[in-house]
């Protein structure tokens, strides 16, 4: 785990360089540390390296880490697929949800968000590449879904999230991320967030307007899915 601080510095340098290359404000892109399958000790080390926002895909794993790390002022983001029976715990224990793709899920999050907490920040996941294996609403369904979610209480619709089909072709990366940016621009809503870009394509995502990049492997190393 000793290299997490070094990795954080390297990733931060990549983000900074890409932001400047895109002609954007140097503080306009935030780093979300994707910590799924990683132990609480790794997150504690990442916190010591300056990270505050952590993205989790698996609810029970995340809740366990939240208990272990309750002494730290971490900001928790849920970024995985959401089952209806998990919405209450997500509404109660997270500040952000990046992976809403159905109105039913948004309605449950709205109803179950505790009144003593700030509104839950929401990103709609869009399946911009049309992959059958990916979650996300279709671009055609996005306008109606965004309008409906924007009207729900206890939620704050912030923007879109996407996981385009992986490719090493920079032009293809740019095209996919630009499509997400254009979809958001087409919505007549006051949105400020584009959650897109991972370890292998963050430069392209930032060039096309990302405000959150979700980074796991480049920070924590390869994931061991055999771990509980």
Protein backbone atom coordinates (compact mmCIF):
# COMPACT_ATOMS: atom_id res chain seq x y z
CA UNK A 1 0.00 0.00 0.00
CA UNK A 2 3.02 2.29 0.39
CA UNK A 3 2.78 3.51 -3.20
CA UNK A 4 -0.70 5.03 -2.90
CA UNK A 5 0.71 8.46 -2.05
CA UNK A 6 3.05 8.31 -5.06
CA UNK A 7 0.22 7.14 -7.31
CA UNK A 8 -2.01 9.95 -6.05
CA UNK A 9 0.66 12.47 -6.94
CA UNK A 10 1.08 11.00 -10.42
CA UNK A 11 -2.65 10.93 -11.12
CA UNK A 12 -3.07 14.47 -9.82
CA UNK A 13 -0.28 15.59 -12.15
CA UNK A 14 -2.02 13.91 -15.10
CA UNK A 15 -5.29 15.63 -14.24
CA UNK A 16 -3.57 19.00 -13.85
CA UNK A 17 -1.73 18.67 -17.16
CA UNK A 18 -4.85 17.56 -19.03
CA UNK A 19 -6.91 20.37 -17.52
CA UNK A 20 -4.39 23.01 -18.58
CA UNK A 21 -4.04 21.43 -22.05
CA UNK A 22 -7.81 21.75 -22.46
CA UNK A 23 -7.66 25.43 -21.54
CA UNK A 24 -9.79 24.88 -18.47
CA UNK A 25 -9.56 26.24 -14.95
CA UNK A 26 -7.08 24.17 -12.98
CA UNK A 27 -9.65 23.49 -10.24
CA UNK A 28 -12.47 22.42 -12.56
CA UNK A 29 -11.80 18.65 -12.42
CA UNK A 30 -12.13 16.58 -9.26
CA UNK A 31 -10.62 13.17 -8.51
CA UNK A 32 -12.96 10.42 -7.32
CA UNK A 33 -10.97 7.51 -5.89
CA UNK A 34 -12.66 4.26 -6.92
CA UNK A 35 -12.00 2.06 -3.92
CA UNK A 36 -14.15 -1.01 -4.57
CA UNK A 37 -12.50 -4.27 -3.37
CA UNK A 38 -9.81 -2.27 -1.55
CA UNK A 39 -9.46 -2.53 2.24
CA UNK A 40 -10.16 0.34 4.60
CA UNK A 41 -6.44 0.68 5.27
CA UNK A 42 -5.88 1.62 1.63
CA UNK A 43 -8.53 4.33 1.84
CA UNK A 44 -6.95 5.63 5.03
CA UNK A 45 -3.64 5.91 3.22
CA UNK A 46 -5.33 7.67 0.30
CA UNK A 47 -6.88 10.10 2.76
CA UNK A 48 -3.42 10.82 4.17
CA UNK A 49 -2.33 11.57 0.58
CA UNK A 50 -5.06 14.21 0.32
CA UNK A 51 -8.04 12.36 -1.17
CA UNK A 52 -11.48 12.95 0.29
CA UNK A 53 -13.98 11.52 -2.23
CA UNK A 54 -14.35 7.75 -2.57
CA UNK A 55 -16.49 5.78 -5.01
CA UNK A 56 -17.91 2.37 -4.14
CA UNK A 57 -19.82 -0.16 -6.27
CA UNK A 58 -20.86 -2.76 -3.70
CA UNK A 59 -23.17 -1.60 -0.93
CA UNK A 60 -22.33 -4.03 1.87
CA UNK A 61 -18.61 -3.62 1.31
CA UNK A 62 -19.00 0.15 1.33
CA UNK A 63 -21.05 0.21 4.53
CA UNK A 64 -18.38 -1.83 6.29
CA UNK A 65 -15.66 0.59 5.23
CA UNK A 66 -17.77 3.55 6.29
CA UNK A 67 -17.92 2.11 9.81
CA UNK A 68 -14.17 1.44 9.89
CA UNK A 69 -13.39 4.94 8.65
CA UNK A 70 -16.02 6.86 10.59
CA UNK A 71 -13.29 8.94 12.22
CA UNK A 72 -12.38 10.49 8.85
CA UNK A 73 -14.43 13.19 7.04
CA UNK A 74 -14.79 11.21 3.82
CA UNK A 75 -17.34 11.92 1.09
CA UNK A 76 -18.95 8.75 -0.21
CA UNK A 77 -20.15 8.26 -3.79
CA UNK A 78 -22.16 5.25 -4.96
CA UNK A 79 -21.15 4.42 -8.53
CA UNK A 80 -22.44 0.89 -9.15
CA UNK A 81 -25.72 -0.59 -10.43
CA UNK A 82 -28.58 -0.04 -7.99
CA UNK A 83 -31.12 -2.67 -6.96
CA UNK A 84 -34.43 -1.49 -5.55
CA UNK A 85 -33.82 -3.19 -2.21
CA UNK A 86 -30.57 -1.23 -1.74
CA UNK A 87 -31.94 2.29 -2.21
CA UNK A 88 -32.69 3.03 1.45
CA UNK A 89 -29.14 2.35 2.62
CA UNK A 90 -27.72 4.29 -0.32
CA UNK A 91 -30.01 7.24 0.41
CA UNK A 92 -28.95 7.20 4.05
CA UNK A 93 -25.19 6.72 3.72
CA UNK A 94 -23.95 8.45 0.56
CA UNK A 95 -23.55 12.07 -0.57
CA UNK A 96 -23.53 11.28 -4.30
CA UNK A 97 -25.05 8.64 -6.57
CA UNK A 98 -23.56 8.52 -10.08
CA UNK A 99 -25.45 5.53 -11.45
CA UNK A 100 -29.17 6.34 -11.56
CA UNK A 101 -30.70 5.09 -14.81
CA UNK A 102 -34.38 4.52 -13.96
CA UNK A 103 -37.07 6.78 -12.55
CA UNK A 104 -38.16 4.11 -10.06
CA UNK A 105 -34.72 4.14 -8.44
CA UNK A 106 -34.65 7.94 -8.28
CA UNK A 107 -38.11 8.02 -6.72
CA UNK A 108 -37.07 5.56 -4.02
CA UNK A 109 -33.89 7.54 -3.27
CA UNK A 110 -35.98 10.70 -3.01
CA UNK A 111 -38.50 9.12 -0.66
CA UNK A 112 -35.83 7.50 1.51
CA UNK A 113 -33.32 10.38 1.79
CA UNK A 114 -33.37 11.46 5.47
CA UNK A 115 -34.73 14.96 6.01
CA UNK A 116 -31.78 15.93 8.22
CA UNK A 117 -29.27 15.34 5.39
CA UNK A 118 -28.59 17.65 2.45
CA UNK A 119 -30.22 16.71 -0.86
CA UNK A 120 -28.61 13.67 -2.46
CA UNK A 121 -26.46 14.61 -5.47
CA UNK A 122 -27.54 12.60 -8.51
CA UNK A 123 -25.94 11.83 -11.85
CA UNK A 124 -27.88 9.96 -14.53
CA UNK A 125 -25.90 7.14 -16.10
CA UNK A 126 -26.19 7.14 -19.89
CA UNK A 127 -25.26 4.14 -22.01
CA UNK A 128 -23.62 6.26 -24.66
CA UNK A 129 -22.00 3.33 -26.51
CA UNK A 130 -25.14 1.19 -26.62
CA UNK A 131 -23.47 -1.84 -25.02
CA UNK A 132 -25.85 -4.55 -23.84
CA UNK A 133 -23.58 -5.33 -20.90
CA UNK A 134 -23.63 -1.76 -19.55
CA UNK A 135 -26.15 -0.09 -17.29
CA UNK A 136 -27.51 3.30 -18.21
CA UNK A 137 -30.49 4.86 -19.88
CA UNK A 138 -30.53 5.34 -23.63
CA UNK A 139 -29.82 8.78 -25.07
CA UNK A 140 -33.39 8.80 -26.42
CA UNK A 141 -34.84 8.24 -22.94
CA UNK A 142 -32.58 10.79 -21.24
CA UNK A 143 -34.61 14.02 -21.65
CA UNK A 144 -37.78 12.66 -20.05
CA UNK A 145 -35.84 10.92 -17.27
CA UNK A 146 -33.81 14.04 -16.48
CA UNK A 147 -36.90 16.21 -16.36
CA UNK A 148 -38.67 13.79 -14.01
CA UNK A 149 -35.68 13.40 -11.66
CA UNK A 150 -35.12 17.15 -11.58
CA UNK A 151 -38.58 17.54 -10.07
CA UNK A 152 -38.10 15.10 -7.20
CA UNK A 153 -37.62 16.40 -3.63
CA UNK A 154 -34.55 15.55 -1.53
CA UNK A 155 -32.48 15.05 -4.70
CA UNK A 156 -30.25 17.46 -6.61
CA UNK A 157 -29.71 16.47 -10.22
CA UNK A 158 -26.12 17.45 -11.00
CA UNK A 159 -25.39 15.93 -14.42
CA UNK A 160 -24.50 12.79 -16.33
CA UNK A 161 -22.23 9.79 -15.85
CA UNK A 162 -20.99 7.49 -18.59
CA UNK A 163 -18.66 4.53 -19.09
CA UNK A 164 -18.00 4.44 -22.83
CA UNK A 165 -16.80 1.26 -24.52
CA UNK A 166 -13.07 0.90 -23.71
CA UNK A 167 -10.68 1.77 -26.50
CA UNK A 168 -7.10 2.97 -26.90
CA UNK A 169 -8.10 5.05 -29.93
CA UNK A 170 -7.99 8.68 -28.77
CA UNK A 171 -10.32 9.85 -31.52
CA UNK A 172 -12.92 7.27 -30.47
CA UNK A 173 -12.50 8.25 -26.82
CA UNK A 174 -13.01 11.92 -27.70
CA UNK A 175 -16.10 11.15 -29.76
CA UNK A 176 -17.75 9.16 -26.97
CA UNK A 177 -17.07 11.75 -24.28
CA UNK A 178 -18.12 14.58 -26.60
CA UNK A 179 -21.42 12.74 -27.13
CA UNK A 180 -22.03 12.74 -23.37
CA UNK A 181 -21.17 16.43 -23.14
CA UNK A 182 -23.53 17.24 -26.00
CA UNK A 183 -26.34 15.21 -24.44
CA UNK A 184 -26.00 17.21 -21.24
CA UNK A 185 -25.89 20.49 -23.16
CA UNK A 186 -29.11 19.53 -24.93
CA UNK A 187 -31.00 19.33 -21.63
CA UNK A 188 -32.58 22.59 -20.58
CA UNK A 189 -31.49 22.14 -16.97
CA UNK A 190 -28.88 23.84 -14.72
CA UNK A 191 -26.41 20.94 -14.63
CA UNK A 192 -22.76 21.27 -13.66
CA UNK A 193 -21.35 17.74 -13.54
CA UNK A 194 -19.93 15.28 -16.06
CA UNK A 195 -18.69 12.11 -14.36
CA UNK A 196 -16.59 10.38 -17.00
CA UNK A 197 -13.07 9.16 -17.55
CA UNK A 198 -11.06 6.46 -15.81
CA UNK A 199 -7.39 5.51 -15.43
CA UNK A 200 -6.83 4.79 -19.14
CA UNK A 201 -8.75 7.66 -20.71
CA UNK A 202 -8.88 10.53 -18.23
CA UNK A 203 -7.02 12.90 -20.58
CA UNK A 204 -9.67 12.51 -23.26
CA UNK A 205 -12.50 12.85 -20.75
CA UNK A 206 -11.05 16.08 -19.37
CA UNK A 207 -10.54 17.46 -22.88
CA UNK A 208 -14.26 16.88 -23.47
CA UNK A 209 -15.47 18.47 -20.25
CA UNK A 210 -15.33 15.93 -17.40
CA UNK A 211 -15.71 17.42 -13.92
CA UNK A 212 -15.23 14.14 -12.04
CA UNK A 213 -12.78 11.47 -13.19
CA UNK A 214 -13.23 8.09 -11.50
CA UNK A 215 -9.82 6.55 -10.89
CA UNK A 216 -9.15 3.15 -9.32
CA UNK A 217 -6.34 1.13 -10.85
CA UNK A 218 -3.95 4.05 -11.28
CA UNK A 219 -4.32 4.85 -7.56
CA UNK A 220 -4.68 1.49 -5.85
CA UNK A 221 -3.29 -1.00 -8.38
CA UNK A 222 -5.14 -3.90 -9.98
CA UNK A 223 -8.22 -5.13 -8.13
CA UNK A 224 -8.43 -8.56 -6.52
CA UNK A 225 -12.03 -9.63 -7.00
CA UNK A 226 -11.39 -12.70 -4.88
CA UNK A 227 -11.30 -10.53 -1.80
CA UNK A 228 -14.52 -10.17 0.24
